[in-house]
Amino acid sequence: MTALTLRLPDHKHARLKAMAEQRGISLARMLDELTTQALVEFDTETRFMVRASRGAQRTERGIELLNKAQGQTA
């Protein structure tokens, strides 16, 4: 396991700490969960883009569907 030093403004640290306390977990555990979620989203998007690139030039439609799934409008 690797240790990471993260510099945050005091107000963000306080809010994150309060969020972790509300969830009943440590701040370290919550940050681990948040980074896991971000990596899952990144991996999913990456796999989607690879598949879209194989989709007989339908990349634009694939990106539209991805944006729609993420709640983004065109």
C-alpha atoms as a PDB file:
ATOM      1  CA  MET A   1       0.000   0.000   0.000  1.00  0.00           C
ATOM      2  CA  THR A   2       1.188   3.515  -0.756  1.00  0.00           C
ATOM      3  CA  ALA A   3       0.829   6.577   1.429  1.00  0.00           C
ATOM      4  CA  LEU A   4      -0.281   9.768  -0.288  1.00  0.00           C
ATOM      5  CA  THR A   5       0.013  13.331   0.935  1.00  0.00           C
ATOM      6  CA  LEU A   6      -2.844  15.458  -0.290  1.00  0.00           C
ATOM      7  CA  ARG A   7      -2.943  19.211   0.204  1.00  0.00           C
ATOM      8  CA  LEU A   8      -6.443  20.617   0.550  1.00  0.00           C
ATOM      9  CA  PRO A   9      -7.829  23.897   1.756  1.00  0.00           C
ATOM     10  CA  ASP A  10      -8.933  23.662   5.399  1.00  0.00           C
ATOM     11  CA  HIS A  11     -12.602  24.123   4.493  1.00  0.00           C
ATOM     12  CA  LYS A  12     -12.541  21.147   2.114  1.00  0.00           C
ATOM     13  CA  HIS A  13     -10.795  18.977   4.685  1.00  0.00           C
ATOM     14  CA  ALA A  14     -13.416  19.869   7.278  1.00  0.00           C
ATOM     15  CA  ARG A  15     -16.275  19.099   4.896  1.00  0.00           C
ATOM     16  CA  LEU A  16     -14.761  15.768   3.834  1.00  0.00           C
ATOM     17  CA  LYS A  17     -14.150  14.818   7.466  1.00  0.00           C
ATOM     18  CA  ALA A  18     -17.765  15.669   8.338  1.00  0.00           C
ATOM     19  CA  MET A  19     -18.967  13.636   5.369  1.00  0.00           C
ATOM     20  CA  ALA A  20     -16.942  10.615   6.493  1.00  0.00           C
ATOM     21  CA  GLU A  21     -18.211  10.949  10.057  1.00  0.00           C
ATOM     22  CA  GLN A  22     -21.804  11.099   8.803  1.00  0.00           C
ATOM     23  CA  ARG A  23     -21.195   7.868   6.884  1.00  0.00           C
ATOM     24  CA  GLY A  24     -19.577   6.268   9.922  1.00  0.00           C
ATOM     25  CA  ILE A  25     -16.227   5.616   8.239  1.00  0.00           C
ATOM     26  CA  SER A  26     -12.745   7.057   8.465  1.00  0.00           C
ATOM     27  CA  LEU A  27     -11.668   9.832   6.143  1.00  0.00           C
ATOM     28  CA  ALA A  28      -9.041   7.504   4.654  1.00  0.00           C
ATOM     29  CA  ARG A  29     -11.679   4.842   3.955  1.00  0.00           C
ATOM     30  CA  MET A  30     -14.003   7.373   2.345  1.00  0.00           C
ATOM     31  CA  LEU A  31     -11.234   8.732   0.106  1.00  0.00           C
ATOM     32  CA  ASP A  32     -10.390   5.148  -0.876  1.00  0.00           C
ATOM     33  CA  GLU A  33     -14.037   4.565  -1.824  1.00  0.00           C
ATOM     34  CA  LEU A  34     -14.236   7.835  -3.779  1.00  0.00           C
ATOM     35  CA  THR A  35     -11.064   7.101  -5.732  1.00  0.00           C
ATOM     36  CA  THR A  36     -12.308   3.580  -6.474  1.00  0.00           C
ATOM     37  CA  GLN A  37     -15.535   5.043  -7.842  1.00  0.00           C
ATOM     38  CA  ALA A  38     -13.616   7.529 -10.000  1.00  0.00           C
ATOM     39  CA  LEU A  39     -11.405   4.752 -11.397  1.00  0.00           C
ATOM     40  CA  VAL A  40     -14.400   2.542 -12.180  1.00  0.00           C
ATOM     41  CA  GLU A  41     -16.001   5.421 -14.082  1.00  0.00           C
ATOM     42  CA  PHE A  42     -12.743   6.088 -15.942  1.00  0.00           C
ATOM     43  CA  ASP A  43     -12.309   2.407 -16.849  1.00  0.00           C
ATOM     44  CA  THR A  44     -15.918   2.162 -18.016  1.00  0.00           C
ATOM     45  CA  GLU A  45     -15.576   5.240 -20.200  1.00  0.00           C
ATOM     46  CA  THR A  46     -12.283   3.962 -21.616  1.00  0.00           C
ATOM     47  CA  ARG A  47     -13.787   0.575 -22.499  1.00  0.00           C
ATOM     48  CA  PHE A  48     -16.797   2.299 -24.025  1.00  0.00           C
ATOM     49  CA  MET A  49     -14.608   4.537 -26.183  1.00  0.00           C
ATOM     50  CA  VAL A  50     -12.619   1.520 -27.409  1.00  0.00           C
ATOM     51  CA  ARG A  51     -15.828  -0.289 -28.322  1.00  0.00           C
ATOM     52  CA  ALA A  52     -17.277   2.834 -29.920  1.00  0.00           C
ATOM     53  CA  SER A  53     -14.190   3.189 -32.085  1.00  0.00           C
ATOM     54  CA  ARG A  54     -14.851  -0.314 -33.419  1.00  0.00           C
ATOM     55  CA  GLY A  55     -18.488   0.520 -34.148  1.00  0.00           C
ATOM     56  CA  ALA A  56     -18.381   1.156 -37.895  1.00  0.00           C
ATOM     57  CA  GLN A  57     -17.838   4.901 -37.565  1.00  0.00           C
ATOM     58  CA  ARG A  58     -20.663   5.295 -35.029  1.00  0.00           C
ATOM     59  CA  THR A  59     -18.470   6.989 -32.434  1.00  0.00           C
ATOM     60  CA  GLU A  60     -20.582  10.149 -32.347  1.00  0.00           C
ATOM     61  CA  ARG A  61     -23.739   8.158 -31.588  1.00  0.00           C
ATOM     62  CA  GLY A  62     -21.886   6.226 -28.894  1.00  0.00           C
ATOM     63  CA  ILE A  63     -20.712   9.439 -27.256  1.00  0.00           C
ATOM     64  CA  GLU A  64     -24.284  10.798 -27.390  1.00  0.00           C
ATOM     65  CA  LEU A  65     -25.496   7.671 -25.585  1.00  0.00           C
ATOM     66  CA  LEU A  66     -22.719   7.929 -23.010  1.00  0.00           C
ATOM     67  CA  ASN A  67     -23.579  11.573 -22.335  1.00  0.00           C
ATOM     68  CA  LYS A  68     -27.258  10.671 -22.045  1.00  0.00           C
ATOM     69  CA  ALA A  69     -26.424   7.912 -19.531  1.00  0.00           C
ATOM     70  CA  GLN A  70     -24.424  10.446 -17.507  1.00  0.00           C
ATOM     71  CA  GLY A  71     -27.340  12.894 -17.556  1.00  0.00           C
ATOM     72  CA  GLN A  72     -25.645  15.369 -19.854  1.00  0.00           C
ATOM     73  CA  THR A  73     -27.474  17.161 -22.613  1.00  0.00           C
ATOM     74  CA  ALA A  74     -26.100  17.770 -26.071  1.00  0.00           C
END
